[in-house]
Amino acid sequence: MDLEARKILFVQEFLRLQNEEIVSVLENLLRKQKAELIERNFKPMTKEEYNAEIDQAMKDSQNGRMIKATDLKSKIQKWR
C-alpha cells in the first residue's frame, strides 16, 4: 500500500473517532514528530551563506524588489 492510500485510510479512521482523549494524543504525537523531523533536518547557515543572503537582500532593496509589510498583509488577507 502506498503512502497516499495509507494517509487516506488513516484520515478515514481518524474521522470515525469519538474519543477526545485519543484525538488529543494523536494531535500531540503529530506535533512532536513534526518538530523532531524539523530538528533533524535543520542545518544552520554558514557565515558565507548568511552574508550571501544579506548581499542579495541589499541588491533587492537597491533594485526596488521589495514589498512593504502593509502591502504584504493586504495581499495575505485576500488569500482567505
Protein backbone atom coordinates (compact mmCIF):
# COMPACT_ATOMS: atom_id res chain seq x y z
CA MET A 1 0.00 0.00 0.00
CA ASP A 2 1.47 3.37 -0.99
CA LEU A 3 1.73 6.40 1.28
CA GLU A 4 -1.27 8.21 -0.22
CA ALA A 5 -3.55 5.22 0.37
CA ARG A 6 -2.27 4.84 3.92
CA LYS A 7 -2.94 8.52 4.64
CA ILE A 8 -6.49 8.25 3.29
CA LEU A 9 -7.18 5.20 5.45
CA PHE A 10 -5.72 6.97 8.47
CA VAL A 11 -7.85 10.07 7.92
CA GLN A 12 -10.97 7.97 7.49
CA GLU A 13 -10.24 6.13 10.74
CA PHE A 14 -9.43 9.42 12.48
CA LEU A 15 -12.75 10.92 11.40
CA ARG A 16 -14.61 7.99 12.96
CA LEU A 17 -13.01 8.62 16.38
CA GLN A 18 -15.39 9.74 19.11
CA ASN A 19 -12.88 9.81 21.96
CA GLU A 20 -11.42 13.27 22.65
CA GLU A 21 -8.51 11.79 24.59
CA ILE A 22 -7.37 9.73 21.61
CA VAL A 23 -7.67 12.77 19.33
CA SER A 24 -5.54 14.79 21.77
CA VAL A 25 -2.91 12.06 21.94
CA LEU A 26 -2.73 11.89 18.14
CA GLU A 27 -2.52 15.69 17.86
CA ASN A 28 0.33 15.79 20.36
CA LEU A 29 2.13 12.92 18.64
CA LEU A 30 1.85 14.66 15.28
CA ARG A 31 3.21 17.93 16.68
CA LYS A 32 6.08 16.14 18.41
CA GLN A 33 7.03 14.10 15.35
CA LYS A 34 6.92 17.15 13.06
CA ALA A 35 9.12 19.11 15.48
CA GLU A 36 11.61 16.24 15.69
CA LEU A 37 11.71 15.93 11.90
CA ILE A 38 12.36 19.65 11.53
CA GLU A 39 15.08 19.46 14.19
CA ARG A 40 16.79 16.51 12.46
CA ASN A 41 16.73 18.30 9.10
CA PHE A 42 17.74 21.70 10.46
CA LYS A 43 21.11 22.82 9.21
CA PRO A 44 22.39 26.20 10.39
CA MET A 45 23.64 28.61 7.75
CA THR A 46 27.34 29.05 7.34
CA LYS A 47 28.74 32.54 7.74
CA GLU A 48 29.22 32.66 3.96
CA GLU A 49 25.59 31.70 3.31
CA TYR A 50 24.40 34.29 5.82
CA ASN A 51 26.49 37.02 4.20
CA ALA A 52 25.26 35.97 0.74
CA GLU A 53 21.65 36.30 1.95
CA ILE A 54 22.40 39.80 3.26
CA ASP A 55 24.11 40.78 -0.01
CA GLN A 56 21.10 39.53 -2.00
CA ALA A 57 18.70 41.44 0.25
CA MET A 58 20.71 44.62 -0.22
CA LYS A 59 20.68 44.16 -4.03
CA ASP A 60 16.93 43.52 -3.96
CA SER A 61 16.43 46.69 -1.93
CA GLN A 62 18.57 48.79 -4.26
CA ASN A 63 16.73 47.44 -7.31
CA GLY A 64 13.26 48.00 -5.88
CA ARG A 65 12.44 44.32 -5.47
CA MET A 66 10.75 44.73 -2.13
CA ILE A 67 7.24 44.90 -0.79
CA LYS A 68 6.05 46.93 2.19
CA ALA A 69 4.83 44.92 5.18
CA THR A 70 1.43 46.64 4.97
CA ASP A 71 1.09 45.67 1.29
CA LEU A 72 2.06 42.09 2.09
CA LYS A 73 -0.53 41.96 4.86
CA SER A 74 -3.17 43.19 2.42
CA LYS A 75 -2.22 40.50 -0.10
CA ILE A 76 -2.35 37.81 2.58
CA GLN A 77 -5.82 38.97 3.69
CA LYS A 78 -7.06 38.40 0.12
CA TRP A 79 -5.93 34.74 0.23
CA ARG A 80 -8.78 33.86 2.59
